[in-house]
Amino acid sequence: MNIVETRVQNIHPAENGCRMQGNVTFYISGGLGERRDIVNYDCSCAIPVGNNSSERMALIKQGLKNDAMRQARRMPEIRSGQDTLDILTPCDQAAA
């Protein structure tokens, strides 16, 4: 299964103020035809330290994506090795 698009939304601090939370959506291809599966995850990550706000936001988004991948790897078909999950770069998407 290939993740062809990722969206991170609704980023906000956790109630305790120690972590960031957000929603990550994976658009997955690899089924039959042009079909895409959509999988949503509620994620959290540590609050990163960066030189400026745009760098911190990029680190937060990456942390939330990493948490989504961690959760996805727990899916039975991935955990059993029956299937793999890969994030495709735009170049890889064109070739797929």
N, C-alpha and C. Protein backbone atom coordinates (compact mmCIF):
# COMPACT_ATOMS: atom_id res chain seq x y z
N MET A 1 0.85 -1.17 0.00
CA MET A 1 0.00 0.00 0.00
C MET A 1 0.89 1.23 0.00
N ASN A 2 0.50 2.20 -0.77
CA ASN A 2 1.30 3.41 -0.90
C ASN A 2 0.51 4.62 -0.43
N ILE A 3 1.12 5.40 0.43
CA ILE A 3 0.52 6.65 0.86
C ILE A 3 0.87 7.69 -0.20
N VAL A 4 -0.15 8.14 -0.93
CA VAL A 4 0.10 9.06 -2.03
C VAL A 4 -0.13 10.52 -1.64
N GLU A 5 -0.81 10.73 -0.52
CA GLU A 5 -1.03 12.10 -0.03
C GLU A 5 -1.21 12.05 1.47
N THR A 6 -0.71 13.06 2.14
CA THR A 6 -0.84 13.18 3.58
C THR A 6 -1.32 14.58 3.92
N ARG A 7 -2.29 14.67 4.82
CA ARG A 7 -2.76 15.98 5.29
C ARG A 7 -2.72 16.01 6.80
N VAL A 8 -2.21 17.10 7.34
CA VAL A 8 -2.18 17.33 8.78
C VAL A 8 -3.06 18.54 9.06
N GLN A 9 -4.04 18.35 9.96
CA GLN A 9 -4.99 19.41 10.23
C GLN A 9 -5.27 19.51 11.73
N ASN A 10 -5.96 20.57 12.09
CA ASN A 10 -6.45 20.76 13.45
C ASN A 10 -5.33 20.65 14.49
N ILE A 11 -4.23 21.30 14.24
CA ILE A 11 -3.09 21.27 15.16
C ILE A 11 -3.38 22.20 16.34
N HIS A 12 -3.19 21.66 17.54
CA HIS A 12 -3.44 22.45 18.75
C HIS A 12 -2.68 21.83 19.92
N PRO A 13 -2.42 22.64 20.96
CA PRO A 13 -1.74 22.08 22.14
C PRO A 13 -2.69 21.16 22.90
N ALA A 14 -2.13 20.13 23.51
CA ALA A 14 -2.91 19.23 24.36
C ALA A 14 -3.38 20.00 25.59
N GLU A 15 -4.37 19.46 26.26
CA GLU A 15 -4.92 20.14 27.44
C GLU A 15 -3.87 20.39 28.51
N ASN A 16 -2.94 19.45 28.66
CA ASN A 16 -1.90 19.62 29.69
C ASN A 16 -0.80 20.57 29.25
N GLY A 17 -0.81 20.97 27.97
CA GLY A 17 0.16 21.92 27.46
C GLY A 17 1.55 21.36 27.20
N CYS A 18 1.73 20.05 27.37
CA CYS A 18 3.05 19.44 27.21
C CYS A 18 3.27 18.81 25.84
N ARG A 19 2.21 18.64 25.06
CA ARG A 19 2.32 18.00 23.75
C ARG A 19 1.45 18.76 22.75
N MET A 20 1.67 18.46 21.48
CA MET A 20 0.83 18.99 20.42
C MET A 20 -0.04 17.85 19.89
N GLN A 21 -1.25 18.20 19.45
CA GLN A 21 -2.16 17.21 18.91
C GLN A 21 -2.63 17.66 17.53
N GLY A 22 -3.10 16.71 16.74
CA GLY A 22 -3.63 17.03 15.43
C GLY A 22 -4.18 15.79 14.76
N ASN A 23 -4.80 16.00 13.63
CA ASN A 23 -5.36 14.91 12.84
C ASN A 23 -4.50 14.72 11.59
N VAL A 24 -4.17 13.48 11.31
CA VAL A 24 -3.40 13.14 10.12
C VAL A 24 -4.26 12.23 9.25
N THR A 25 -4.37 12.58 7.98
CA THR A 25 -5.12 11.78 7.02
C THR A 25 -4.15 11.24 5.98
N PHE A 26 -4.19 9.93 5.79
CA PHE A 26 -3.41 9.28 4.74
C PHE A 26 -4.37 8.88 3.62
N TYR A 27 -3.98 9.20 2.39
CA TYR A 27 -4.68 8.75 1.20
C TYR A 27 -3.84 7.62 0.63
N ILE A 28 -4.39 6.42 0.63
CA ILE A 28 -3.63 5.22 0.31
C ILE A 28 -4.12 4.60 -0.98
N SER A 29 -3.19 4.32 -1.90
CA SER A 29 -3.52 3.58 -3.12
C SER A 29 -2.85 2.22 -3.03
N GLY A 30 -3.20 1.38 -3.94
CA GLY A 30 -2.61 0.04 -3.93
C GLY A 30 -3.67 -1.01 -4.05
N GLY A 31 -4.91 -0.56 -4.09
CA GLY A 31 -6.01 -1.49 -4.29
C GLY A 31 -6.26 -1.66 -5.77
N LEU A 32 -7.50 -1.94 -6.10
CA LEU A 32 -7.86 -2.14 -7.49
C LEU A 32 -8.17 -0.82 -8.17
N GLY A 33 -7.65 -0.63 -9.37
CA GLY A 33 -7.95 0.55 -10.17
C GLY A 33 -7.47 1.83 -9.52
N GLU A 34 -8.28 2.87 -9.67
CA GLU A 34 -7.93 4.21 -9.18
C GLU A 34 -8.39 4.44 -7.75
N ARG A 35 -8.90 3.43 -7.10
CA ARG A 35 -9.46 3.58 -5.76
C ARG A 35 -8.40 4.03 -4.76
N ARG A 36 -8.80 4.95 -3.88
CA ARG A 36 -7.94 5.39 -2.77
C ARG A 36 -8.67 5.15 -1.47
N ASP A 37 -7.97 4.60 -0.52
CA ASP A 37 -8.51 4.46 0.82
C ASP A 37 -8.09 5.68 1.63
N ILE A 38 -8.97 6.13 2.52
CA ILE A 38 -8.68 7.28 3.37
C ILE A 38 -8.67 6.79 4.81
N VAL A 39 -7.56 7.05 5.50
CA VAL A 39 -7.41 6.63 6.89
C VAL A 39 -7.06 7.86 7.71
N ASN A 40 -7.80 8.07 8.81
CA ASN A 40 -7.57 9.22 9.69
C ASN A 40 -7.00 8.76 11.03
N TYR A 41 -6.09 9.53 11.56
CA TYR A 41 -5.49 9.24 12.86
C TYR A 41 -5.51 10.49 13.73
N ASP A 42 -5.84 10.31 15.01
CA ASP A 42 -5.66 11.36 16.00
C ASP A 42 -4.27 11.15 16.58
N CYS A 43 -3.43 12.16 16.47
CA CYS A 43 -2.01 12.00 16.80
C CYS A 43 -1.55 13.04 17.81
N SER A 44 -0.42 12.75 18.41
CA SER A 44 0.23 13.71 19.31
C SER A 44 1.73 13.58 19.16
N CYS A 45 2.43 14.64 19.53
CA CYS A 45 3.90 14.63 19.50
C CYS A 45 4.41 15.62 20.53
N ALA A 46 5.67 15.49 20.85
CA ALA A 46 6.31 16.43 21.76
C ALA A 46 6.37 17.81 21.11
N ILE A 47 6.39 18.83 21.92
CA ILE A 47 6.51 20.19 21.40
C ILE A 47 7.98 20.41 21.03
N PRO A 48 8.27 20.63 19.74
CA PRO A 48 9.66 20.77 19.32
C PRO A 48 10.22 22.16 19.58
N VAL A 49 11.53 22.24 19.55
CA VAL A 49 12.23 23.51 19.66
C VAL A 49 12.79 23.83 18.28
N GLY A 50 12.52 25.00 17.79
CA GLY A 50 13.03 25.40 16.49
C GLY A 50 13.48 26.84 16.53
N ASN A 51 14.15 27.27 15.47
CA ASN A 51 14.67 28.63 15.41
C ASN A 51 13.59 29.66 15.16
N ASN A 52 12.50 29.25 14.50
CA ASN A 52 11.41 30.19 14.21
C ASN A 52 10.10 29.41 14.14
N SER A 53 9.00 30.13 13.99
CA SER A 53 7.69 29.48 14.04
C SER A 53 7.45 28.54 12.86
N SER A 54 7.95 28.87 11.67
CA SER A 54 7.73 27.98 10.53
C SER A 54 8.52 26.69 10.69
N GLU A 55 9.71 26.78 11.25
CA GLU A 55 10.49 25.57 11.51
C GLU A 55 9.81 24.70 12.56
N ARG A 56 9.29 25.33 13.62
CA ARG A 56 8.58 24.58 14.66
C ARG A 56 7.34 23.90 14.08
N MET A 57 6.60 24.61 13.23
CA MET A 57 5.40 24.02 12.63
C MET A 57 5.76 22.82 11.75
N ALA A 58 6.83 22.94 10.99
CA ALA A 58 7.27 21.81 10.16
C ALA A 58 7.65 20.61 11.04
N LEU A 59 8.31 20.86 12.17
CA LEU A 59 8.68 19.79 13.09
C LEU A 59 7.45 19.18 13.75
N ILE A 60 6.46 20.00 14.07
CA ILE A 60 5.22 19.49 14.65
C ILE A 60 4.51 18.58 13.65
N LYS A 61 4.40 19.04 12.39
CA LYS A 61 3.74 18.24 11.37
C LYS A 61 4.46 16.92 11.16
N GLN A 62 5.79 16.95 11.14
CA GLN A 62 6.56 15.72 10.97
C GLN A 62 6.35 14.79 12.17
N GLY A 63 6.33 15.34 13.37
CA GLY A 63 6.08 14.53 14.56
C GLY A 63 4.71 13.88 14.54
N LEU A 64 3.70 14.62 14.09
CA LEU A 64 2.35 14.06 14.00
C LEU A 64 2.29 12.97 12.93
N LYS A 65 2.96 13.18 11.80
CA LYS A 65 3.01 12.15 10.75
C LYS A 65 3.72 10.89 11.27
N ASN A 66 4.80 11.08 12.03
CA ASN A 66 5.51 9.93 12.59
C ASN A 66 4.60 9.13 13.52
N ASP A 67 3.78 9.84 14.32
CA ASP A 67 2.85 9.15 15.21
C ASP A 67 1.79 8.40 14.40
N ALA A 68 1.32 8.99 13.31
CA ALA A 68 0.35 8.32 12.45
C ALA A 68 0.96 7.05 11.85
N MET A 69 2.20 7.11 11.41
CA MET A 69 2.87 5.93 10.86
C MET A 69 3.03 4.85 11.94
N ARG A 70 3.34 5.27 13.15
CA ARG A 70 3.45 4.30 14.26
C ARG A 70 2.12 3.58 14.45
N GLN A 71 1.03 4.35 14.43
CA GLN A 71 -0.29 3.74 14.59
C GLN A 71 -0.62 2.84 13.40
N ALA A 72 -0.28 3.26 12.19
CA ALA A 72 -0.58 2.47 10.99
C ALA A 72 0.17 1.14 11.02
N ARG A 73 1.38 1.15 11.53
CA ARG A 73 2.17 -0.09 11.58
C ARG A 73 1.56 -1.12 12.53
N ARG A 74 0.62 -0.69 13.36
CA ARG A 74 -0.04 -1.62 14.27
C ARG A 74 -1.24 -2.31 13.62
N MET A 75 -1.60 -1.89 12.41
CA MET A 75 -2.70 -2.54 11.70
C MET A 75 -2.31 -4.00 11.46
N PRO A 76 -3.25 -4.93 11.64
CA PRO A 76 -2.90 -6.36 11.55
C PRO A 76 -2.21 -6.75 10.25
N GLU A 77 -2.65 -6.22 9.11
CA GLU A 77 -2.04 -6.63 7.85
C GLU A 77 -0.62 -6.09 7.70
N ILE A 78 -0.31 -4.98 8.34
CA ILE A 78 1.05 -4.43 8.31
C ILE A 78 1.92 -5.17 9.32
N ARG A 79 1.39 -5.35 10.53
CA ARG A 79 2.15 -5.99 11.59
C ARG A 79 2.52 -7.43 11.23
N SER A 80 1.63 -8.12 10.53
CA SER A 80 1.88 -9.52 10.17
C SER A 80 2.88 -9.65 9.02
N GLY A 81 3.15 -8.54 8.32
CA GLY A 81 4.04 -8.59 7.17
C GLY A 81 3.32 -8.93 5.88
N GLN A 82 2.01 -9.08 5.96
CA GLN A 82 1.20 -9.38 4.77
C GLN A 82 1.25 -8.22 3.78
N ASP A 83 1.39 -7.01 4.27
CA ASP A 83 1.42 -5.83 3.41
C ASP A 83 2.44 -4.85 3.98
N THR A 84 2.87 -3.91 3.17
CA THR A 84 3.77 -2.85 3.63
C THR A 84 3.10 -1.51 3.39
N LEU A 85 3.58 -0.50 4.05
CA LEU A 85 3.03 0.84 3.93
C LEU A 85 4.18 1.79 3.64
N ASP A 86 4.13 2.47 2.51
CA ASP A 86 5.21 3.37 2.09
C ASP A 86 4.64 4.73 1.75
N ILE A 87 5.35 5.78 2.16
CA ILE A 87 4.99 7.14 1.76
C ILE A 87 5.72 7.44 0.47
N LEU A 88 4.97 7.74 -0.57
CA LEU A 88 5.57 8.02 -1.87
C LEU A 88 5.90 9.51 -2.00
N THR A 89 7.06 9.80 -2.56
CA THR A 89 7.40 11.17 -2.90
C THR A 89 6.65 11.54 -4.18
N PRO A 90 6.54 12.81 -4.53
CA PRO A 90 5.86 13.17 -5.78
C PRO A 90 6.45 12.46 -7.01
N CYS A 91 7.77 12.29 -7.05
CA CYS A 91 8.39 11.57 -8.18
C CYS A 91 7.95 10.11 -8.21
N ASP A 92 7.89 9.48 -7.02
CA ASP A 92 7.45 8.09 -6.94
C ASP A 92 5.99 7.95 -7.36
N GLN A 93 5.18 8.95 -7.01
CA GLN A 93 3.75 8.92 -7.35
C GLN A 93 3.56 8.92 -8.87
N ALA A 94 4.37 9.70 -9.57
CA ALA A 94 4.25 9.77 -11.02
C ALA A 94 4.60 8.44 -11.67
N ALA A 95 5.55 7.72 -11.07
CA ALA A 95 5.97 6.43 -11.62
C ALA A 95 5.02 5.31 -11.27
N ALA A 96 4.25 5.47 -10.19
CA ALA A 96 3.35 4.38 -9.74
C ALA A 96 2.13 4.23 -10.60
